[in-house]
Every structure is written in structure tokens, then in C-alpha cells.
Amino acid sequence: PPAAMVSRVEEGLRTTLVRQAQDELRTLLPALNEAYTAMDYRVARGLLESWDATLKSVGQSHLHLPDDLREPVQPVMDWVQSTSQQQEREIVFRQECAKLRSQVDSPTTLEDLDRAFQRASHFDLPLPDNLAEDARRARQKLVLAVARRRRNRRAAVAGLALVLAAGVGWGINQQINDRKITQALSDVERGMSESNFQLAHDRFEL
């Protein structure tokens, strides 16, 4: 057949399919409005999934719908999208709360606990099951433990400094004694070589 005829037939078929799809959408509108009025998120979301599937089947989008279809469904779409985002946010919030609870029950470091608390508090939602108070107590214990370790470390450093000071003092004293002995032996040898037995005797007694 001529190309122009084929093109007209295809265009007519597309127009018919789009019209049929729009008729199907109009049958969905009452149920969508009912679910929206009842704030039934699960039903509304399922109906919108059927709505989107119908549009995709004919290569259409929501923006290409006539006003009598696009305008009534827009509030429902906005509400479902907002509710979906809120539910996803709550899921992430519960996950962060679980991580914080794990840090509270088995704390690792003060930094990890503070980081987990900040993530869970980021959502501006109340923490469940006295979690905030439990986190505060766990943090206080970690702060005390850190302070205790610092005190022990300072005491150990001070003790080591005393030991080193005592060792240095002993070494200096030992060097002084060694020099005295060396000098005395030198005097004894000089006294013996010079037959100065009195000097040798005196230095030997020293």
C-alpha cells in the first residue's frame, strides 16, 4: 500500500489506542478519588501504578493528558508521592535508631556514639523507648572512661619520668665515682714510680 495510506492507518491506530487508554483512566478516577478521600495510601498507590502502566502502554505521559484527566489526578499523585517520601524517611529513621541503640548497648568510641546520635536526631522525630536518655548515660560513661585513661596515662608518664630521673642521677654519681677512682689509681702509680710511698698509701686508702 502507499506510504501515505500506511501512515494514516498507523496514526489512526495510535489515536484509537490513546483514546481507549484515556477511557480506562477515566474509569480509574472514581476509585482514586475515593482512596484519596479515605487517605488509603496503599490502595491509592496501587491504582496510580495501574494509571502509569496504562500511560506507558500507549507511550503517553501525565503531561500529555487532557485537563479532565490531568487536573483531578494531580492532587492524588502529589499526596502519594509525599506519603512515599515520608515513609521512606521513617524507614531510614528507624534504621538510624537501631544503629544508635547498638552503640548505646555496646559502645565503641565516644566519636562513634556521637555520630550515631547526630544521624538519628537529624530527622526531627522523637527517639523511641528512652533512647535519648540511654544515649546520654552511655556517653557519660565513655567520657568518664576517657578521663580515667588520661589520668592513668599521665600517672604512667610521671612514674616513668621519675624512674628516668633516678637512673640519670645514679649514672652521673657513678661517673663521678669512676673519675675519683681513676684519679686515685693514677696517683698511686705516680707515687710508686716516684718512691713517694706516703702519697701512694694515702691515695690507696682513699
N, C-alpha and C. Protein backbone atom coordinates (compact mmCIF):
# COMPACT_ATOMS: atom_id res chain seq x y z
N PRO A 1 0.84 -1.21 0.00
CA PRO A 1 0.00 0.00 0.00
C PRO A 1 0.86 1.25 0.00
N PRO A 2 0.31 2.35 -0.45
CA PRO A 2 1.07 3.59 -0.46
C PRO A 2 1.50 4.00 0.95
N ALA A 3 2.66 4.64 1.02
CA ALA A 3 3.21 5.04 2.32
C ALA A 3 2.27 5.98 3.05
N ALA A 4 1.62 6.87 2.33
CA ALA A 4 0.72 7.81 2.97
C ALA A 4 -0.45 7.10 3.63
N MET A 5 -0.95 6.03 2.94
CA MET A 5 -2.05 5.25 3.50
C MET A 5 -1.60 4.53 4.77
N VAL A 6 -0.40 3.94 4.72
CA VAL A 6 0.13 3.23 5.91
C VAL A 6 0.27 4.20 7.07
N SER A 7 0.77 5.41 6.79
CA SER A 7 0.95 6.40 7.84
C SER A 7 -0.38 6.80 8.46
N ARG A 8 -1.43 6.96 7.61
CA ARG A 8 -2.73 7.34 8.14
C ARG A 8 -3.31 6.23 9.00
N VAL A 9 -3.11 4.98 8.54
CA VAL A 9 -3.64 3.85 9.31
C VAL A 9 -2.95 3.76 10.67
N GLU A 10 -1.62 3.93 10.65
CA GLU A 10 -0.86 3.85 11.92
C GLU A 10 -1.26 4.98 12.85
N GLU A 11 -1.41 6.15 12.31
CA GLU A 11 -1.82 7.29 13.13
C GLU A 11 -3.21 7.08 13.70
N GLY A 12 -4.10 6.53 12.88
CA GLY A 12 -5.44 6.24 13.36
C GLY A 12 -5.43 5.21 14.47
N LEU A 13 -4.56 4.20 14.32
CA LEU A 13 -4.45 3.16 15.35
C LEU A 13 -3.93 3.76 16.66
N ARG A 14 -2.90 4.61 16.53
CA ARG A 14 -2.36 5.24 17.74
C ARG A 14 -3.43 6.09 18.43
N THR A 15 -4.18 6.83 17.63
CA THR A 15 -5.23 7.67 18.19
C THR A 15 -6.29 6.84 18.90
N THR A 16 -6.63 5.70 18.29
CA THR A 16 -7.63 4.82 18.90
C THR A 16 -7.10 4.24 20.21
N LEU A 17 -5.84 3.80 20.21
CA LEU A 17 -5.26 3.23 21.44
C LEU A 17 -5.17 4.27 22.55
N VAL A 18 -4.78 5.50 22.19
CA VAL A 18 -4.71 6.56 23.20
C VAL A 18 -6.09 6.85 23.76
N ARG A 19 -7.09 6.89 22.88
CA ARG A 19 -8.45 7.16 23.34
C ARG A 19 -8.92 6.05 24.28
N GLN A 20 -8.63 4.78 23.90
CA GLN A 20 -9.02 3.67 24.76
C GLN A 20 -8.31 3.75 26.12
N ALA A 21 -7.01 4.13 26.10
CA ALA A 21 -6.26 4.26 27.35
C ALA A 21 -6.86 5.36 28.22
N GLN A 22 -7.25 6.46 27.60
CA GLN A 22 -7.85 7.55 28.36
C GLN A 22 -9.20 7.14 28.94
N ASP A 23 -9.94 6.33 28.20
CA ASP A 23 -11.21 5.82 28.74
C ASP A 23 -10.95 4.95 29.97
N GLU A 24 -9.88 4.13 29.91
CA GLU A 24 -9.53 3.30 31.06
C GLU A 24 -9.15 4.16 32.26
N LEU A 25 -8.44 5.25 31.99
CA LEU A 25 -8.05 6.14 33.08
C LEU A 25 -9.28 6.79 33.72
N ARG A 26 -10.25 7.13 32.89
CA ARG A 26 -11.47 7.75 33.44
C ARG A 26 -12.22 6.78 34.35
N THR A 27 -12.11 5.49 34.04
CA THR A 27 -12.76 4.51 34.93
C THR A 27 -12.00 4.37 36.26
N LEU A 28 -10.69 4.73 36.25
CA LEU A 28 -9.90 4.65 37.49
C LEU A 28 -10.12 5.86 38.39
N LEU A 29 -10.55 6.98 37.81
CA LEU A 29 -10.66 8.21 38.59
C LEU A 29 -11.55 8.09 39.82
N PRO A 30 -12.75 7.52 39.73
CA PRO A 30 -13.59 7.44 40.94
C PRO A 30 -12.91 6.67 42.07
N ALA A 31 -12.26 5.55 41.73
CA ALA A 31 -11.59 4.77 42.76
C ALA A 31 -10.41 5.55 43.35
N LEU A 32 -9.68 6.28 42.50
CA LEU A 32 -8.57 7.10 43.00
C LEU A 32 -9.07 8.19 43.95
N ASN A 33 -10.16 8.85 43.58
CA ASN A 33 -10.71 9.90 44.43
C ASN A 33 -11.21 9.33 45.75
N GLU A 34 -11.80 8.16 45.69
CA GLU A 34 -12.29 7.52 46.91
C GLU A 34 -11.13 7.17 47.84
N ALA A 35 -10.05 6.60 47.28
CA ALA A 35 -8.89 6.25 48.10
C ALA A 35 -8.24 7.50 48.68
N TYR A 36 -8.20 8.57 47.89
CA TYR A 36 -7.61 9.82 48.35
C TYR A 36 -8.43 10.42 49.49
N THR A 37 -9.77 10.40 49.33
CA THR A 37 -10.64 10.92 50.37
C THR A 37 -10.50 10.13 51.66
N ALA A 38 -10.34 8.82 51.53
CA ALA A 38 -10.18 7.96 52.71
C ALA A 38 -8.75 7.93 53.22
N MET A 39 -7.83 8.62 52.54
CA MET A 39 -6.40 8.61 52.90
C MET A 39 -5.85 7.18 52.95
N ASP A 40 -6.34 6.36 52.01
CA ASP A 40 -5.88 4.98 51.92
C ASP A 40 -4.68 4.93 50.98
N TYR A 41 -3.51 5.05 51.56
CA TYR A 41 -2.29 5.17 50.76
C TYR A 41 -2.04 3.91 49.93
N ARG A 42 -2.21 2.74 50.51
CA ARG A 42 -1.90 1.50 49.80
C ARG A 42 -2.75 1.35 48.55
N VAL A 43 -4.06 1.60 48.68
CA VAL A 43 -4.95 1.47 47.53
C VAL A 43 -4.64 2.55 46.49
N ALA A 44 -4.44 3.78 46.94
CA ALA A 44 -4.15 4.87 46.01
C ALA A 44 -2.86 4.62 45.24
N ARG A 45 -1.86 4.11 45.93
CA ARG A 45 -0.59 3.84 45.25
C ARG A 45 -0.76 2.73 44.21
N GLY A 46 -1.50 1.69 44.55
CA GLY A 46 -1.74 0.61 43.58
C GLY A 46 -2.48 1.10 42.36
N LEU A 47 -3.50 1.95 42.56
CA LEU A 47 -4.25 2.50 41.43
C LEU A 47 -3.37 3.39 40.56
N LEU A 48 -2.49 4.17 41.18
CA LEU A 48 -1.59 5.02 40.40
C LEU A 48 -0.58 4.20 39.61
N GLU A 49 -0.18 3.07 40.16
CA GLU A 49 0.71 2.19 39.39
C GLU A 49 -0.01 1.67 38.14
N SER A 50 -1.30 1.33 38.26
CA SER A 50 -2.09 0.92 37.09
C SER A 50 -2.26 2.10 36.12
N TRP A 51 -2.42 3.30 36.68
CA TRP A 51 -2.55 4.51 35.87
C TRP A 51 -1.29 4.71 35.02
N ASP A 52 -0.11 4.64 35.68
CA ASP A 52 1.15 4.83 34.96
C ASP A 52 1.38 3.73 33.93
N ALA A 53 1.01 2.49 34.26
CA ALA A 53 1.20 1.39 33.32
C ALA A 53 0.34 1.59 32.07
N THR A 54 -0.87 2.11 32.26
CA THR A 54 -1.75 2.38 31.12
C THR A 54 -1.15 3.45 30.23
N LEU A 55 -0.60 4.51 30.82
CA LEU A 55 0.02 5.57 30.03
C LEU A 55 1.23 5.04 29.25
N LYS A 56 2.05 4.24 29.91
CA LYS A 56 3.25 3.72 29.25
C LYS A 56 2.89 2.78 28.09
N SER A 57 1.76 2.09 28.23
CA SER A 57 1.39 1.12 27.18
C SER A 57 1.10 1.79 25.84
N VAL A 58 0.77 3.09 25.88
CA VAL A 58 0.49 3.81 24.64
C VAL A 58 1.51 4.93 24.42
N GLY A 59 2.61 4.89 25.18
CA GLY A 59 3.67 5.88 25.00
C GLY A 59 3.27 7.28 25.40
N GLN A 60 2.35 7.42 26.35
CA GLN A 60 1.90 8.73 26.81
C GLN A 60 2.53 9.07 28.17
N SER A 61 2.40 10.33 28.53
CA SER A 61 2.85 10.77 29.84
C SER A 61 1.73 11.57 30.48
N HIS A 62 1.88 11.80 31.78
CA HIS A 62 0.86 12.53 32.51
C HIS A 62 0.66 13.94 31.95
N LEU A 63 1.75 14.54 31.48
CA LEU A 63 1.68 15.91 30.98
C LEU A 63 0.87 16.03 29.69
N HIS A 64 0.75 14.91 28.96
CA HIS A 64 0.03 14.94 27.69
C HIS A 64 -1.45 14.62 27.84
N LEU A 65 -1.90 14.41 29.07
CA LEU A 65 -3.31 14.07 29.28
C LEU A 65 -4.18 15.31 29.11
N PRO A 66 -5.42 15.11 28.72
CA PRO A 66 -6.36 16.24 28.68
C PRO A 66 -6.65 16.74 30.09
N ASP A 67 -7.11 17.98 30.20
CA ASP A 67 -7.31 18.61 31.51
C ASP A 67 -8.26 17.82 32.39
N ASP A 68 -9.31 17.20 31.80
CA ASP A 68 -10.30 16.50 32.61
C ASP A 68 -9.72 15.24 33.26
N LEU A 69 -8.54 14.80 32.81
CA LEU A 69 -7.85 13.67 33.45
C LEU A 69 -6.68 14.15 34.32
N ARG A 70 -5.93 15.10 33.80
CA ARG A 70 -4.72 15.53 34.49
C ARG A 70 -5.03 16.27 35.80
N GLU A 71 -5.97 17.19 35.76
CA GLU A 71 -6.23 18.02 36.93
C GLU A 71 -6.81 17.23 38.11
N PRO A 72 -7.80 16.33 37.90
CA PRO A 72 -8.34 15.61 39.07
C PRO A 72 -7.32 14.67 39.73
N VAL A 73 -6.39 14.11 38.92
CA VAL A 73 -5.49 13.12 39.49
C VAL A 73 -4.24 13.75 40.11
N GLN A 74 -3.96 15.01 39.79
CA GLN A 74 -2.73 15.64 40.27
C GLN A 74 -2.64 15.69 41.80
N PRO A 75 -3.70 16.09 42.51
CA PRO A 75 -3.60 16.08 43.98
C PRO A 75 -3.33 14.69 44.55
N VAL A 76 -3.92 13.67 43.92
CA VAL A 76 -3.69 12.31 44.39
C VAL A 76 -2.22 11.92 44.19
N MET A 77 -1.68 12.25 43.04
CA MET A 77 -0.29 11.94 42.75
C MET A 77 0.65 12.67 43.73
N ASP A 78 0.34 13.93 44.00
CA ASP A 78 1.18 14.70 44.94
C ASP A 78 1.13 14.08 46.33
N TRP A 79 -0.07 13.70 46.77
CA TRP A 79 -0.22 13.12 48.10
C TRP A 79 0.51 11.78 48.21
N VAL A 80 0.36 10.93 47.20
CA VAL A 80 1.03 9.62 47.22
C VAL A 80 2.54 9.80 47.22
N GLN A 81 3.04 10.72 46.42
CA GLN A 81 4.49 10.96 46.37
C GLN A 81 5.00 11.47 47.73
N SER A 82 4.26 12.42 48.31
CA SER A 82 4.66 12.95 49.62
C SER A 82 4.63 11.86 50.69
N THR A 83 3.58 11.03 50.66
CA THR A 83 3.47 9.96 51.65
C THR A 83 4.58 8.93 51.46
N SER A 84 4.92 8.63 50.21
CA SER A 84 6.01 7.68 49.93
C SER A 84 7.33 8.20 50.48
N GLN A 85 7.60 9.48 50.26
CA GLN A 85 8.83 10.07 50.77
C GLN A 85 8.86 10.05 52.29
N GLN A 86 7.70 10.32 52.91
CA GLN A 86 7.63 10.30 54.37
C GLN A 86 7.88 8.89 54.90
N GLN A 87 7.30 7.89 54.25
CA GLN A 87 7.51 6.52 54.70
C GLN A 87 8.96 6.09 54.53
N GLU A 88 9.56 6.48 53.42
CA GLU A 88 10.98 6.16 53.22
C GLU A 88 11.84 6.85 54.28
N ARG A 89 11.48 8.08 54.61
CA ARG A 89 12.20 8.83 55.64
C ARG A 89 12.07 8.13 57.00
N GLU A 90 10.89 7.63 57.30
CA GLU A 90 10.68 6.94 58.57
C GLU A 90 11.45 5.62 58.62
N ILE A 91 11.56 4.96 57.47
CA ILE A 91 12.33 3.70 57.42
C ILE A 91 13.80 3.99 57.73
N VAL A 92 14.34 5.03 57.09
CA VAL A 92 15.73 5.40 57.36
C VAL A 92 15.90 5.82 58.82
N PHE A 93 14.91 6.54 59.36
CA PHE A 93 14.96 6.97 60.76
C PHE A 93 15.02 5.76 61.69
N ARG A 94 14.20 4.77 61.44
CA ARG A 94 14.21 3.56 62.28
C ARG A 94 15.55 2.83 62.17
N GLN A 95 16.12 2.81 60.98
CA GLN A 95 17.42 2.18 60.80
C GLN A 95 18.50 2.90 61.61
N GLU A 96 18.47 4.24 61.57
CA GLU A 96 19.46 5.01 62.32
C GLU A 96 19.24 4.85 63.82
N CYS A 97 17.99 4.74 64.25
CA CYS A 97 17.71 4.49 65.66
C CYS A 97 18.24 3.13 66.10
N ALA A 98 18.12 2.15 65.23
CA ALA A 98 18.64 0.82 65.55
C ALA A 98 20.17 0.86 65.68
N LYS A 99 20.82 1.61 64.80
CA LYS A 99 22.28 1.75 64.90
C LYS A 99 22.67 2.46 66.19
N LEU A 100 21.90 3.48 66.56
CA LEU A 100 22.19 4.19 67.81
C LEU A 100 21.98 3.27 69.00
N ARG A 101 20.93 2.48 68.99
CA ARG A 101 20.68 1.53 70.08
C ARG A 101 21.84 0.55 70.21
N SER A 102 22.37 0.10 69.07
CA SER A 102 23.51 -0.81 69.10
C SER A 102 24.73 -0.14 69.73
N GLN A 103 24.94 1.15 69.42
CA GLN A 103 26.05 1.89 70.01
C GLN A 103 25.84 2.09 71.51
N VAL A 104 24.59 2.31 71.91
CA VAL A 104 24.29 2.52 73.33
C VAL A 104 24.51 1.23 74.12
N ASP A 105 24.04 0.11 73.56
CA ASP A 105 24.16 -1.17 74.27
C ASP A 105 25.59 -1.69 74.29
N SER A 106 26.33 -1.45 73.21
CA SER A 106 27.73 -1.92 73.13
C SER A 106 28.57 -0.78 72.56
N PRO A 107 28.83 0.24 73.38
CA PRO A 107 29.55 1.41 72.86
C PRO A 107 30.98 1.08 72.45
N THR A 108 31.42 1.73 71.38
CA THR A 108 32.79 1.53 70.91
C THR A 108 33.64 2.73 71.30
N THR A 109 33.42 3.85 70.64
CA THR A 109 34.15 5.07 70.98
C THR A 109 33.17 6.21 71.15
N LEU A 110 33.63 7.27 71.80
CA LEU A 110 32.79 8.45 72.01
C LEU A 110 32.41 9.07 70.67
N GLU A 111 33.36 9.08 69.73
CA GLU A 111 33.09 9.66 68.41
C GLU A 111 31.99 8.89 67.68
N ASP A 112 32.05 7.54 67.72
CA ASP A 112 31.03 6.73 67.04
C ASP A 112 29.66 6.93 67.66
N LEU A 113 29.61 7.02 68.99
CA LEU A 113 28.33 7.24 69.66
C LEU A 113 27.75 8.59 69.29
N ASP A 114 28.57 9.65 69.30
CA ASP A 114 28.09 10.99 68.94
C ASP A 114 27.62 11.02 67.49
N ARG A 115 28.35 10.35 66.61
CA ARG A 115 27.97 10.33 65.20
C ARG A 115 26.62 9.62 65.01
N ALA A 116 26.42 8.50 65.70
CA ALA A 116 25.15 7.77 65.59
C ALA A 116 24.00 8.60 66.15
N PHE A 117 24.25 9.33 67.24
CA PHE A 117 23.20 10.16 67.83
C PHE A 117 22.82 11.31 66.90
N GLN A 118 23.80 11.92 66.27
CA GLN A 118 23.53 13.02 65.34
C GLN A 118 22.72 12.54 64.14
N ARG A 119 23.06 11.35 63.61
CA ARG A 119 22.30 10.83 62.46
C ARG A 119 20.85 10.54 62.84
N ALA A 120 20.64 9.95 64.03
CA ALA A 120 19.28 9.62 64.44
C ALA A 120 18.48 10.87 64.77
N SER A 121 19.14 11.93 65.25
CA SER A 121 18.45 13.15 65.63
C SER A 121 18.21 14.08 64.44
N HIS A 122 18.77 13.75 63.30
CA HIS A 122 18.68 14.62 62.12
C HIS A 122 17.26 14.71 61.57
N PHE A 123 16.40 13.77 61.91
CA PHE A 123 15.08 13.68 61.30
C PHE A 123 14.02 14.50 62.04
N ASP A 124 14.38 15.12 63.15
CA ASP A 124 13.43 15.91 63.94
C ASP A 124 12.23 15.07 64.36
N LEU A 125 12.48 13.81 64.66
CA LEU A 125 11.45 12.91 65.16
C LEU A 125 11.87 12.43 66.56
N PRO A 126 10.90 12.21 67.45
CA PRO A 126 11.27 11.77 68.81
C PRO A 126 11.91 10.39 68.79
N LEU A 127 13.02 10.25 69.51
CA LEU A 127 13.69 8.96 69.59
C LEU A 127 12.85 8.02 70.45
N PRO A 128 12.73 6.75 70.04
CA PRO A 128 11.83 5.83 70.74
C PRO A 128 12.46 5.22 71.99
N ASP A 129 11.59 4.77 72.91
CA ASP A 129 11.98 3.91 74.04
C ASP A 129 13.12 4.49 74.87
N ASN A 130 12.99 5.77 75.26
CA ASN A 130 14.01 6.40 76.13
C ASN A 130 15.41 6.33 75.53
N LEU A 131 15.49 6.28 74.22
CA LEU A 131 16.79 6.11 73.58
C LEU A 131 17.69 7.32 73.82
N ALA A 132 17.11 8.52 73.84
CA ALA A 132 17.92 9.72 74.06
C ALA A 132 18.56 9.69 75.44
N GLU A 133 17.79 9.29 76.48
CA GLU A 133 18.34 9.23 77.84
C GLU A 133 19.40 8.13 77.96
N ASP A 134 19.13 7.00 77.32
CA ASP A 134 20.12 5.91 77.35
C ASP A 134 21.40 6.33 76.65
N ALA A 135 21.27 7.07 75.56
CA ALA A 135 22.45 7.55 74.84
C ALA A 135 23.23 8.54 75.69
N ARG A 136 22.52 9.39 76.43
CA ARG A 136 23.19 10.36 77.30
C ARG A 136 24.01 9.63 78.38
N ARG A 137 23.41 8.61 78.97
CA ARG A 137 24.13 7.86 80.02
C ARG A 137 25.33 7.12 79.45
N ALA A 138 25.16 6.52 78.27
CA ALA A 138 26.28 5.82 77.65
C ALA A 138 27.40 6.79 77.32
N ARG A 139 27.04 7.99 76.88
CA ARG A 139 28.07 8.99 76.57
C ARG A 139 28.81 9.42 77.83
N GLN A 140 28.06 9.59 78.92
CA GLN A 140 28.68 10.00 80.17
C GLN A 140 29.69 8.94 80.63
N LYS A 141 29.34 7.67 80.49
CA LYS A 141 30.26 6.59 80.87
C LYS A 141 31.53 6.62 80.01
N LEU A 142 31.34 6.87 78.71
CA LEU A 142 32.50 6.94 77.83
C LEU A 142 33.39 8.12 78.17
N VAL A 143 32.77 9.26 78.51
CA VAL A 143 33.56 10.44 78.89
C VAL A 143 34.37 10.15 80.14
N LEU A 144 33.75 9.50 81.13
CA LEU A 144 34.47 9.15 82.35
C LEU A 144 35.60 8.17 82.07
N ALA A 145 35.33 7.21 81.18
CA ALA A 145 36.37 6.23 80.84
C ALA A 145 37.55 6.90 80.15
N VAL A 146 37.25 7.85 79.26
CA VAL A 146 38.33 8.58 78.58
C VAL A 146 39.14 9.38 79.59
N ALA A 147 38.45 10.07 80.52
CA ALA A 147 39.16 10.84 81.53
C ALA A 147 40.02 9.94 82.41
N ARG A 148 39.49 8.75 82.74
CA ARG A 148 40.26 7.81 83.57
C ARG A 148 41.51 7.33 82.85
N ARG A 149 41.37 7.05 81.56
CA ARG A 149 42.54 6.60 80.79
C ARG A 149 43.59 7.71 80.71
N ARG A 150 43.13 8.96 80.57
CA ARG A 150 44.07 10.07 80.51
C ARG A 150 44.82 10.21 81.83
N ARG A 151 44.08 10.08 82.96
CA ARG A 151 44.74 10.17 84.26
C ARG A 151 45.76 9.06 84.42
N ASN A 152 45.39 7.85 84.04
CA ASN A 152 46.32 6.73 84.16
C ASN A 152 47.54 6.93 83.28
N ARG A 153 47.31 7.50 82.09
CA ARG A 153 48.42 7.75 81.18
C ARG A 153 49.37 8.80 81.76
N ARG A 154 48.78 9.86 82.34
CA ARG A 154 49.62 10.89 82.94
C ARG A 154 50.41 10.33 84.12
N ALA A 155 49.75 9.48 84.93
CA ALA A 155 50.45 8.88 86.08
C ALA A 155 51.59 7.98 85.60
N ALA A 156 51.34 7.24 84.51
CA ALA A 156 52.38 6.36 83.99
C ALA A 156 53.56 7.17 83.46
N VAL A 157 53.24 8.28 82.77
CA VAL A 157 54.31 9.13 82.25
C VAL A 157 55.12 9.75 83.38
N ALA A 158 54.40 10.20 84.44
CA ALA A 158 55.09 10.78 85.59
C ALA A 158 55.99 9.75 86.27
N GLY A 159 55.46 8.52 86.41
CA GLY A 159 56.28 7.46 87.02
C GLY A 159 57.50 7.15 86.20
N LEU A 160 57.32 7.10 84.88
CA LEU A 160 58.46 6.83 84.01
C LEU A 160 59.49 7.95 84.10
N ALA A 161 58.99 9.19 84.21
CA ALA A 161 59.93 10.32 84.34
C ALA A 161 60.74 10.22 85.61
N LEU A 162 60.08 9.80 86.72
CA LEU A 162 60.82 9.64 87.98
C LEU A 162 61.88 8.56 87.87
N VAL A 163 61.50 7.44 87.21
CA VAL A 163 62.47 6.35 87.05
C VAL A 163 63.65 6.81 86.21
N LEU A 164 63.34 7.54 85.12
CA LEU A 164 64.43 8.03 84.27
C LEU A 164 65.31 9.02 85.02
N ALA A 165 64.68 9.90 85.81
CA ALA A 165 65.46 10.88 86.58
C ALA A 165 66.37 10.18 87.58
N ALA A 166 65.82 9.15 88.26
CA ALA A 166 66.64 8.40 89.21
C ALA A 166 67.78 7.70 88.50
N GLY A 167 67.51 7.14 87.33
CA GLY A 167 68.56 6.46 86.57
C GLY A 167 69.64 7.42 86.12
N VAL A 168 69.22 8.60 85.67
CA VAL A 168 70.20 9.60 85.25
C VAL A 168 71.06 10.04 86.43
N GLY A 169 70.40 10.27 87.59
CA GLY A 169 71.15 10.68 88.77
C GLY A 169 72.15 9.62 89.20
N TRP A 170 71.72 8.37 89.15
CA TRP A 170 72.63 7.28 89.52
C TRP A 170 73.80 7.22 88.54
N GLY A 171 73.54 7.42 87.27
CA GLY A 171 74.60 7.37 86.26
C GLY A 171 75.61 8.48 86.47
N ILE A 172 75.09 9.67 86.76
CA ILE A 172 76.00 10.80 86.99
C ILE A 172 76.88 10.53 88.21
N ASN A 173 76.26 10.05 89.28
CA ASN A 173 77.01 9.75 90.51
C ASN A 173 78.06 8.68 90.26
N GLN A 174 77.66 7.67 89.43
CA GLN A 174 78.59 6.60 89.13
C GLN A 174 79.78 7.13 88.33
N GLN A 175 79.51 8.05 87.41
CA GLN A 175 80.60 8.64 86.62
C GLN A 175 81.56 9.42 87.52
N ILE A 176 81.00 10.16 88.48
CA ILE A 176 81.85 10.92 89.41
C ILE A 176 82.74 9.97 90.22
N ASN A 177 82.15 8.86 90.72
CA ASN A 177 82.93 7.89 91.50
C ASN A 177 84.01 7.24 90.63
N ASP A 178 83.64 6.95 89.37
CA ASP A 178 84.63 6.33 88.47
C ASP A 178 85.80 7.28 88.24
N ARG A 179 85.51 8.55 88.09
CA ARG A 179 86.60 9.51 87.88
C ARG A 179 87.51 9.61 89.12
N LYS A 180 86.88 9.57 90.29
CA LYS A 180 87.67 9.63 91.54
C LYS A 180 88.60 8.41 91.65
N ILE A 181 88.06 7.25 91.32
CA ILE A 181 88.87 6.03 91.42
C ILE A 181 90.00 6.06 90.41
N THR A 182 89.67 6.52 89.18
CA THR A 182 90.70 6.60 88.14
C THR A 182 91.83 7.54 88.57
N GLN A 183 91.44 8.69 89.14
CA GLN A 183 92.45 9.65 89.59
C GLN A 183 93.28 9.09 90.75
N ALA A 184 92.62 8.37 91.67
CA ALA A 184 93.34 7.77 92.81
C ALA A 184 94.34 6.74 92.33
N LEU A 185 93.94 5.89 91.37
CA LEU A 185 94.86 4.88 90.85
C LEU A 185 96.05 5.53 90.15
N SER A 186 95.75 6.64 89.43
CA SER A 186 96.84 7.36 88.77
C SER A 186 97.82 7.91 89.80
N ASP A 187 97.31 8.45 90.92
CA ASP A 187 98.18 8.99 91.98
C ASP A 187 99.00 7.89 92.64
N VAL A 188 98.37 6.70 92.83
CA VAL A 188 99.11 5.58 93.44
C VAL A 188 100.27 5.18 92.54
N GLU A 189 99.99 5.06 91.22
CA GLU A 189 101.05 4.67 90.29
C GLU A 189 102.16 5.73 90.26
N ARG A 190 101.76 7.02 90.30
CA ARG A 190 102.77 8.07 90.31
C ARG A 190 103.61 8.03 91.58
N GLY A 191 102.93 7.77 92.73
CA GLY A 191 103.67 7.69 93.99
C GLY A 191 104.65 6.52 94.01
N MET A 192 104.23 5.38 93.43
CA MET A 192 105.11 4.21 93.41
C MET A 192 106.31 4.47 92.50
N SER A 193 106.03 5.14 91.34
CA SER A 193 107.14 5.39 90.43
C SER A 193 108.12 6.42 90.98
N GLU A 194 107.61 7.31 91.81
CA GLU A 194 108.48 8.35 92.38
C GLU A 194 108.98 7.97 93.78
N SER A 195 108.67 6.73 94.20
CA SER A 195 109.04 6.25 95.55
C SER A 195 108.42 7.11 96.63
N ASN A 196 107.29 7.72 96.30
CA ASN A 196 106.56 8.52 97.28
C ASN A 196 105.50 7.63 97.88
N PHE A 197 105.93 6.78 98.78
CA PHE A 197 105.04 5.75 99.33
C PHE A 197 103.94 6.35 100.19
N GLN A 198 104.20 7.52 100.74
CA GLN A 198 103.16 8.17 101.55
C GLN A 198 101.97 8.56 100.67
N LEU A 199 102.29 9.15 99.48
CA LEU A 199 101.20 9.53 98.54
C LEU A 199 100.45 8.31 98.08
N ALA A 200 101.26 7.27 97.72
CA ALA A 200 100.58 6.05 97.27
C ALA A 200 99.70 5.46 98.33
N HIS A 201 100.17 5.51 99.56
CA HIS A 201 99.39 4.94 100.66
C HIS A 201 98.12 5.75 100.90
N ASP A 202 98.29 7.10 100.89
CA ASP A 202 97.12 7.94 101.13
C ASP A 202 96.05 7.77 100.04
N ARG A 203 96.49 7.73 98.77
CA ARG A 203 95.53 7.57 97.68
C ARG A 203 94.91 6.19 97.68
N PHE A 204 95.70 5.20 98.08
CA PHE A 204 95.18 3.83 98.14
C PHE A 204 94.10 3.74 99.21
N GLU A 205 94.34 4.40 100.36
CA GLU A 205 93.34 4.38 101.41
C GLU A 205 92.06 5.09 100.97
N LEU A 206 92.19 6.12 100.13
CA LEU A 206 91.02 6.83 99.61
C LEU A 206 90.17 5.91 98.75
